[in-house]
């Protein structure tokens, strides 16, 4: 399975194409739209979300709600494009009238300056329009298609928030995806601890008044993933490495770990290694999950647990120092419309990129031209593992 996205933040639309989705997969379009709405929510979001009402439109590879096996193409329209149509016109030449929103003051922490240097853009809008997190809308749509595929195989995922700025949230009582999902849908922060909601709201409100921004920590859990996905035979076949790369590819993510993560470096090995158990008819399992479902670069049948650290949003309403790319004079950075924190939508984005990589690995490992055949193959494989 392979996917690609295209489109700019204020362009007419975002486009995504997935190749390798099995034929015969029923797609619930309302589920895709529901997760797109969730991505636009969360406490601390900016005014852009009041303009966009994201909905997906399938334009290829789907007939009567069922995939055909051909490339699956989808678009998410940018409603805000109506105010930017001349500035973002793909065909008309640049004029003083349609370059009034030129960006020549790069923002610290963004791709603005380095992207301009690399691609030789003198108007840094050419960089920020694509590097914007707006692109993640189409990745979430692609990810939900993949989640629907995984659900057919009994695999469930959830992404949720474990920390916002200085406030940590208690870990969930269990790694059950259903229990975590039920807890986080009771608030607008996707946290499991309802008692922390007011304090986090207050922190976000004060940060907004200060013209600053906040990051946080995210965890994604995927359960019922078959053991043996990935390989130990070479570094580039290790599946946890590929998942880590995909999560790092989400805007503003600066760190990724599995299971207990960096805490494992501080305790003896006897506190880290997951002891092995065997039950007749069920096969092998582990008595704990400190390693987050991976051993030797392979899934071991325990829930996959991925942690991601998100830096604060780099666009600040209290702009930081920068330098004009033409005059080289010091000044204040440009201020583009932004959020105080995007940790809530980031948890949804990270969940969905994990779903994409899981679906890619499943369709690479098993014959996946047709959904019924894929389900049969995965079930045979599960039975083989239980009988080992």
Protein backbone atom coordinates (compact mmCIF):
# COMPACT_ATOMS: atom_id res chain seq x y z
CA UNK A 1 0.00 0.00 0.00
CA UNK A 2 1.22 3.50 -0.87
CA UNK A 3 -0.26 6.95 -0.43
CA UNK A 4 0.50 10.52 -1.42
CA UNK A 5 -1.09 13.86 -0.61
CA UNK A 6 -1.09 17.18 -2.44
CA UNK A 7 -2.40 20.68 -1.83
CA UNK A 8 -1.65 23.91 0.02
CA UNK A 9 -3.15 25.36 3.19
CA UNK A 10 -5.10 28.08 1.35
CA UNK A 11 -5.33 26.29 -1.99
CA UNK A 12 -8.62 25.02 -3.42
CA UNK A 13 -8.39 21.53 -1.90
CA UNK A 14 -6.28 18.81 -0.34
CA UNK A 15 -5.97 15.63 -2.39
CA UNK A 16 -5.03 12.13 -1.28
CA UNK A 17 -4.48 8.96 -3.29
CA UNK A 18 -4.06 5.49 -1.76
CA UNK A 19 -2.89 2.58 -3.89
CA UNK A 20 -3.22 -0.95 -2.52
CA UNK A 21 -6.47 -0.83 -0.56
CA UNK A 22 -8.13 -4.24 -1.10
CA UNK A 23 -11.21 -4.52 -3.26
CA UNK A 24 -14.42 -5.20 -1.38
CA UNK A 25 -13.81 -2.94 1.63
CA UNK A 26 -17.03 -1.09 2.55
CA UNK A 27 -16.25 2.54 3.41
CA UNK A 28 -18.45 4.41 5.86
CA UNK A 29 -18.00 7.99 4.61
CA UNK A 30 -19.74 9.48 7.66
CA UNK A 31 -17.06 7.88 9.87
CA UNK A 32 -14.38 9.61 7.82
CA UNK A 33 -16.21 12.93 8.15
CA UNK A 34 -16.71 12.40 11.89
CA UNK A 35 -12.98 12.03 12.49
CA UNK A 36 -12.34 15.09 10.30
CA UNK A 37 -14.70 17.05 12.54
CA UNK A 38 -12.87 15.74 15.61
CA UNK A 39 -9.56 16.88 14.16
CA UNK A 40 -10.95 20.43 13.98
CA UNK A 41 -12.05 20.37 17.61
CA UNK A 42 -10.32 20.43 20.96
CA UNK A 43 -9.77 23.23 23.46
CA UNK A 44 -7.16 25.77 22.37
CA UNK A 45 -7.90 25.78 18.64
CA UNK A 46 -7.83 28.99 16.58
CA UNK A 47 -10.35 30.76 14.36
CA UNK A 48 -9.47 28.83 11.17
CA UNK A 49 -11.54 25.92 12.46
CA UNK A 50 -14.65 28.12 12.49
CA UNK A 51 -14.22 28.67 8.75
CA UNK A 52 -13.44 25.14 7.58
CA UNK A 53 -16.07 22.41 7.83
CA UNK A 54 -14.04 19.53 6.52
CA UNK A 55 -15.78 16.83 4.52
CA UNK A 56 -14.26 14.19 2.31
CA UNK A 57 -15.30 13.52 -1.27
CA UNK A 58 -14.26 10.27 -2.92
CA UNK A 59 -13.46 10.81 -6.59
CA UNK A 60 -11.96 7.48 -7.61
CA UNK A 61 -11.69 3.84 -6.55
CA UNK A 62 -15.06 3.68 -4.77
CA UNK A 63 -18.39 2.53 -6.22
CA UNK A 64 -21.62 2.19 -4.25
CA UNK A 65 -19.62 2.59 -1.05
CA UNK A 66 -17.25 -0.31 -1.71
CA UNK A 67 -13.59 -0.14 -2.81
CA UNK A 68 -12.73 -1.43 -6.28
CA UNK A 69 -9.05 -2.29 -5.71
CA UNK A 70 -7.99 0.57 -7.97
CA UNK A 71 -6.33 3.69 -6.50
CA UNK A 72 -8.64 5.35 -3.99
CA UNK A 73 -8.73 9.12 -4.56
CA UNK A 74 -10.28 11.64 -2.19
CA UNK A 75 -10.39 15.39 -1.71
CA UNK A 76 -11.10 17.77 1.17
CA UNK A 77 -12.09 21.24 -0.01
CA UNK A 78 -10.59 24.34 1.63
CA UNK A 79 -13.50 26.72 2.19
CA UNK A 80 -11.11 29.51 3.17
CA UNK A 81 -9.75 29.40 -0.39
CA UNK A 82 -12.55 31.78 -1.41
CA UNK A 83 -10.63 34.58 0.35
CA UNK A 84 -7.30 33.54 -1.18
CA UNK A 85 -8.22 32.61 -4.74
CA UNK A 86 -6.19 35.38 -6.38
CA UNK A 87 -3.22 35.04 -4.06
CA UNK A 88 -3.12 31.24 -4.52
CA UNK A 89 -4.10 31.17 -8.22
CA UNK A 90 -2.04 28.39 -9.85
CA UNK A 91 -2.10 29.90 -13.33
CA UNK A 92 -1.94 33.71 -13.24
CA UNK A 93 1.49 35.42 -13.10
CA UNK A 94 2.61 37.14 -9.92
CA UNK A 95 1.53 40.80 -9.74
CA UNK A 96 1.57 43.41 -6.95
CA UNK A 97 -2.16 42.72 -6.48
CA UNK A 98 -1.91 38.98 -5.91
CA UNK A 99 1.28 38.98 -3.82
CA UNK A 100 0.02 41.27 -1.07
CA UNK A 101 0.43 38.45 1.47
CA UNK A 102 4.12 37.85 0.75
CA UNK A 103 6.07 36.42 3.66
CA UNK A 104 9.61 37.75 3.98
CA UNK A 105 9.96 37.56 7.77
CA UNK A 106 10.50 33.85 8.62
CA UNK A 107 8.99 32.52 11.86
CA UNK A 108 11.33 30.73 14.30
CA UNK A 109 10.46 27.06 14.65
CA UNK A 110 8.75 26.86 11.24
CA UNK A 111 9.97 25.56 7.89
CA UNK A 112 9.85 29.13 6.48
CA UNK A 113 13.54 30.06 6.35
CA UNK A 114 15.15 26.70 5.67
CA UNK A 115 12.51 25.85 3.05
CA UNK A 116 13.12 29.18 1.32
CA UNK A 117 16.87 28.59 1.33
CA UNK A 118 16.52 25.04 -0.02
CA UNK A 119 14.00 25.77 -2.80
CA UNK A 120 15.12 29.37 -3.43
CA UNK A 121 11.73 30.91 -2.65
CA UNK A 122 11.88 34.65 -2.04
CA UNK A 123 8.24 34.61 -0.96
CA UNK A 124 8.17 32.25 2.00
CA UNK A 125 4.42 31.74 1.57
CA UNK A 126 5.48 29.13 -0.99
CA UNK A 127 6.94 27.19 1.94
CA UNK A 128 4.42 27.71 4.72
CA UNK A 129 1.42 26.89 2.52
CA UNK A 130 2.61 23.30 2.15
CA UNK A 131 4.43 22.88 5.47
CA UNK A 132 1.26 23.93 7.32
CA UNK A 133 -0.45 21.33 9.51
CA UNK A 134 -3.53 21.89 7.35
CA UNK A 135 -2.18 19.03 5.20
CA UNK A 136 -2.93 16.60 8.02
CA UNK A 137 -6.65 16.86 7.25
CA UNK A 138 -6.24 14.64 4.20
CA UNK A 139 -3.89 12.31 6.09
CA UNK A 140 -6.60 11.87 8.73
CA UNK A 141 -9.10 10.98 5.98
CA UNK A 142 -6.66 8.42 4.58
CA UNK A 143 -5.98 7.14 8.09
CA UNK A 144 -9.65 6.58 8.84
CA UNK A 145 -10.02 4.50 5.67
CA UNK A 146 -7.12 2.44 7.02
CA UNK A 147 -8.77 2.20 10.45
CA UNK A 148 -11.91 0.86 8.79
CA UNK A 149 -9.77 -1.75 7.03
CA UNK A 150 -8.07 -2.70 10.31
CA UNK A 151 -11.43 -2.94 12.09
CA UNK A 152 -12.43 -5.67 9.61
CA UNK A 153 -9.46 -7.61 10.99
CA UNK A 154 -10.36 -6.97 14.63
CA UNK A 155 -7.63 -4.35 15.17
CA UNK A 156 -8.60 -1.20 17.12
CA UNK A 157 -6.69 2.03 17.82
CA UNK A 158 -7.04 5.15 19.92
CA UNK A 159 -4.91 8.27 20.31
CA UNK A 160 -5.27 10.47 23.38
CA UNK A 161 -3.53 13.24 25.33
CA UNK A 162 -1.29 12.48 28.33
CA UNK A 163 0.09 15.95 29.03
CA UNK A 164 -0.64 19.56 28.09
CA UNK A 165 2.24 21.89 28.91
CA UNK A 166 3.14 21.49 32.58
CA UNK A 167 0.06 19.41 33.48
CA UNK A 168 0.43 15.64 33.29
CA UNK A 169 -2.60 13.38 33.15
CA UNK A 170 -2.80 10.05 34.94
CA UNK A 171 -2.25 6.96 32.81
CA UNK A 172 -5.35 4.93 31.95
CA UNK A 173 -6.28 2.08 34.26
CA UNK A 174 -5.97 -0.39 31.36
CA UNK A 175 -4.82 -0.50 27.76
CA UNK A 176 -8.32 -1.31 26.51
CA UNK A 177 -9.04 0.84 23.46
CA UNK A 178 -12.78 0.82 24.15
CA UNK A 179 -12.36 1.98 27.77
CA UNK A 180 -9.94 4.76 26.82
CA UNK A 181 -12.20 5.91 23.99
CA UNK A 182 -15.20 6.08 26.35
CA UNK A 183 -13.22 8.21 28.82
CA UNK A 184 -11.71 10.72 26.37
CA UNK A 185 -15.00 11.43 24.60
CA UNK A 186 -16.37 12.92 27.84
CA UNK A 187 -14.22 16.08 27.45
CA UNK A 188 -12.76 18.37 24.80
CA UNK A 189 -9.13 17.52 25.61
CA UNK A 190 -9.06 13.77 24.86
CA UNK A 191 -7.73 13.05 28.37
CA UNK A 192 -8.76 10.08 30.52
CA UNK A 193 -8.73 12.01 33.82
CA UNK A 194 -11.84 14.21 34.00
CA UNK A 195 -10.53 15.93 37.13
CA UNK A 196 -7.70 17.59 35.19
CA UNK A 197 -9.93 19.24 32.56
CA UNK A 198 -10.59 22.54 34.39
CA UNK A 199 -6.91 23.02 35.27
CA UNK A 200 -5.85 22.41 31.67
CA UNK A 201 -8.52 24.81 30.37
CA UNK A 202 -7.20 27.46 32.73
CA UNK A 203 -3.62 26.87 31.59
CA UNK A 204 -4.60 27.20 27.92
CA UNK A 205 -6.60 30.37 28.60
CA UNK A 206 -3.70 32.01 30.43
CA UNK A 207 -1.24 30.97 27.74
CA UNK A 208 -3.46 32.52 25.09
CA UNK A 209 -3.61 35.79 27.06
CA UNK A 210 0.19 35.73 27.24
CA UNK A 211 0.44 35.37 23.44
CA UNK A 212 2.24 32.07 23.87
CA UNK A 213 1.62 28.42 22.95
CA UNK A 214 1.73 24.93 24.47
CA UNK A 215 2.82 21.44 23.48
CA UNK A 216 2.22 18.13 25.18
CA UNK A 217 2.45 14.35 25.14
CA UNK A 218 0.34 11.90 23.14
CA UNK A 219 -0.10 8.16 23.40
CA UNK A 220 -1.54 5.80 20.78
CA UNK A 221 -2.60 2.25 21.61
CA UNK A 222 -3.39 -0.41 19.00
CA UNK A 223 -4.79 -3.73 20.22
CA UNK A 224 -5.19 -7.19 18.69
CA UNK A 225 -2.27 -6.65 16.29
CA UNK A 226 -0.88 -10.03 15.18
CA UNK A 227 2.57 -11.00 16.42
CA UNK A 228 5.40 -11.13 13.90
CA UNK A 229 4.80 -7.99 11.84
CA UNK A 230 8.22 -6.64 10.91
CA UNK A 231 11.51 -8.51 11.15
CA UNK A 232 14.76 -8.76 13.06
CA UNK A 233 16.88 -9.64 10.01
CA UNK A 234 17.92 -6.11 9.02
CA UNK A 235 17.59 -2.61 10.48
CA UNK A 236 15.28 -1.40 7.70
CA UNK A 237 12.82 -4.27 8.21
CA UNK A 238 12.12 -3.37 11.84
CA UNK A 239 8.48 -2.29 12.04
CA UNK A 240 8.86 -0.15 15.15
CA UNK A 241 11.44 1.94 13.28
CA UNK A 242 8.98 2.54 10.47
CA UNK A 243 6.20 3.48 12.86
CA UNK A 244 8.54 5.88 14.65
CA UNK A 245 9.40 7.54 11.34
CA UNK A 246 5.74 7.98 10.44
CA UNK A 247 4.94 9.56 13.80
CA UNK A 248 7.96 11.87 13.54
CA UNK A 249 6.57 12.93 10.16
CA UNK A 250 3.60 14.60 11.87
CA UNK A 251 4.00 18.36 12.23
CA UNK A 252 5.64 19.51 15.50
CA UNK A 253 6.43 16.01 16.81
CA UNK A 254 9.92 16.05 18.36
CA UNK A 255 10.17 12.69 20.10
CA UNK A 256 8.81 9.13 19.78
CA UNK A 257 9.09 6.13 22.10
CA UNK A 258 7.41 2.78 22.71
CA UNK A 259 5.95 1.37 25.90
CA UNK A 260 7.66 2.83 28.95
CA UNK A 261 9.96 4.66 26.54
CA UNK A 262 12.83 6.67 28.02
CA UNK A 263 11.93 5.55 31.54
CA UNK A 264 13.31 2.10 30.62
CA UNK A 265 16.79 3.65 30.57
CA UNK A 266 16.61 4.43 34.29
CA UNK A 267 15.66 1.06 35.83
CA UNK A 268 17.16 -2.48 35.95
CA UNK A 269 16.38 -4.91 33.16
CA UNK A 270 14.32 -7.05 35.49
CA UNK A 271 11.82 -4.18 35.67
CA UNK A 272 11.63 -3.78 31.90
CA UNK A 273 11.53 -7.18 30.21
CA UNK A 274 8.04 -8.59 29.68
CA UNK A 275 7.96 -12.15 31.04
CA UNK A 276 6.45 -14.81 28.82
CA UNK A 277 3.35 -16.90 29.55
CA UNK A 278 1.58 -19.71 27.67
CA UNK A 279 -2.07 -20.75 27.81
CA UNK A 280 -3.36 -23.82 25.99
CA UNK A 281 -5.55 -22.71 23.08
CA UNK A 282 -4.46 -19.08 23.40
CA UNK A 283 -0.75 -19.46 22.71
CA UNK A 284 2.04 -17.23 24.01
CA UNK A 285 1.57 -13.88 25.70
CA UNK A 286 3.43 -11.50 28.03
CA UNK A 287 2.73 -10.81 31.70
CA UNK A 288 3.36 -7.07 31.21
CA UNK A 289 3.86 -4.62 28.35
CA UNK A 290 6.77 -2.37 29.28
CA UNK A 291 8.20 -2.67 25.74
CA UNK A 292 5.02 -1.47 24.08
CA UNK A 293 4.26 -4.52 21.96
CA UNK A 294 7.65 -4.81 20.22
CA UNK A 295 10.61 -7.14 20.55
CA UNK A 296 13.42 -7.28 17.99
CA UNK A 297 11.63 -4.89 15.67
CA UNK A 298 8.58 -7.18 15.51
CA UNK A 299 5.13 -7.00 17.05
CA UNK A 300 4.83 -9.55 19.86
CA UNK A 301 1.02 -9.72 20.11
CA UNK A 302 0.68 -7.30 23.03
CA UNK A 303 -0.95 -3.91 22.44
CA UNK A 304 1.28 -1.50 20.54
CA UNK A 305 1.93 1.54 22.72
CA UNK A 306 3.48 4.59 21.03
CA UNK A 307 4.33 7.86 22.78
CA UNK A 308 4.85 11.16 20.95
CA UNK A 309 6.12 14.51 22.24
CA UNK A 310 4.72 17.59 20.50
CA UNK A 311 6.51 20.93 20.72
CA UNK A 312 4.48 24.13 21.26
CA UNK A 313 2.95 25.72 18.16
CA UNK A 314 5.72 27.97 16.72
CA UNK A 315 3.39 30.74 15.51
CA UNK A 316 3.06 33.12 18.45
CA UNK A 317 0.85 36.17 18.85
CA UNK A 318 3.80 37.54 20.82
CA UNK A 319 6.16 37.26 17.84
CA UNK A 320 9.81 36.35 18.28
CA UNK A 321 12.85 37.97 16.71
CA UNK A 322 13.74 37.13 13.13
CA UNK A 323 15.54 38.72 10.16
CA UNK A 324 14.10 40.12 6.91
CA UNK A 325 15.34 37.80 4.15
CA UNK A 326 15.92 40.75 1.77
CA UNK A 327 17.27 43.58 3.94
CA UNK A 328 18.81 41.24 6.57
CA UNK A 329 17.56 43.65 9.23
CA UNK A 330 16.32 42.23 12.57
CA UNK A 331 12.58 42.54 13.26
CA UNK A 332 9.56 40.62 14.55
CA UNK A 333 8.33 37.45 12.83
CA UNK A 334 5.14 37.28 10.79
CA UNK A 335 1.99 36.29 12.66
CA UNK A 336 -0.23 33.82 10.80
CA UNK A 337 -3.57 32.66 12.21
CA UNK A 338 -2.78 29.92 14.72
CA UNK A 339 -3.81 27.86 17.74
CA UNK A 340 -2.73 28.19 21.37
CA UNK A 341 -2.28 24.45 21.39
CA UNK A 342 -3.00 21.74 18.83
CA UNK A 343 -2.31 18.79 21.10
CA UNK A 344 -5.88 17.46 20.77
CA UNK A 345 -5.95 17.31 16.94
CA UNK A 346 -2.35 16.07 16.99
CA UNK A 347 -3.46 13.03 19.01
CA UNK A 348 -5.97 12.26 16.25
CA UNK A 349 -3.40 12.78 13.50
CA UNK A 350 -0.85 10.53 15.22
CA UNK A 351 -3.50 7.84 15.71
CA UNK A 352 -4.29 7.96 12.02
CA UNK A 353 -0.71 7.84 10.74
CA UNK A 354 -0.21 4.77 12.95
CA UNK A 355 -3.32 3.26 11.32
CA UNK A 356 -1.85 3.96 7.89
CA UNK A 357 1.42 2.20 8.72
CA UNK A 358 -0.40 -0.76 10.25
CA UNK A 359 -2.57 -1.11 7.15
CA UNK A 360 0.51 -0.83 4.92
CA UNK A 361 2.31 -3.55 6.85
CA UNK A 362 -0.75 -5.85 6.88
CA UNK A 363 -1.27 -5.48 3.12
CA UNK A 364 2.45 -6.07 2.48
CA UNK A 365 2.54 -9.18 4.66
CA UNK A 366 -0.62 -10.87 3.40
CA UNK A 367 -2.26 -11.26 -0.02
CA UNK A 368 -4.54 -8.23 -0.10
CA UNK A 369 -6.14 -7.84 -3.52
CA UNK A 370 -9.53 -8.69 -2.02
CA UNK A 371 -10.85 -7.99 1.48
CA UNK A 372 -12.43 -11.41 2.08
CA UNK A 373 -9.19 -13.14 1.08
CA UNK A 374 -7.20 -10.85 3.34
CA UNK A 375 -9.43 -11.66 6.32
CA UNK A 376 -9.06 -15.38 5.65
CA UNK A 377 -5.26 -15.10 5.43
CA UNK A 378 -4.94 -13.09 8.63
CA UNK A 379 -7.18 -15.53 10.52
CA UNK A 380 -5.15 -18.53 9.29
CA UNK A 381 -1.99 -16.75 10.41
CA UNK A 382 -3.46 -16.07 13.87
CA UNK A 383 -4.41 -19.76 14.20
CA UNK A 384 -0.89 -20.78 13.18
CA UNK A 385 0.60 -18.53 15.88
CA UNK A 386 -1.71 -19.97 18.55
CA UNK A 387 -0.65 -23.50 17.57
CA UNK A 388 3.11 -22.78 17.71
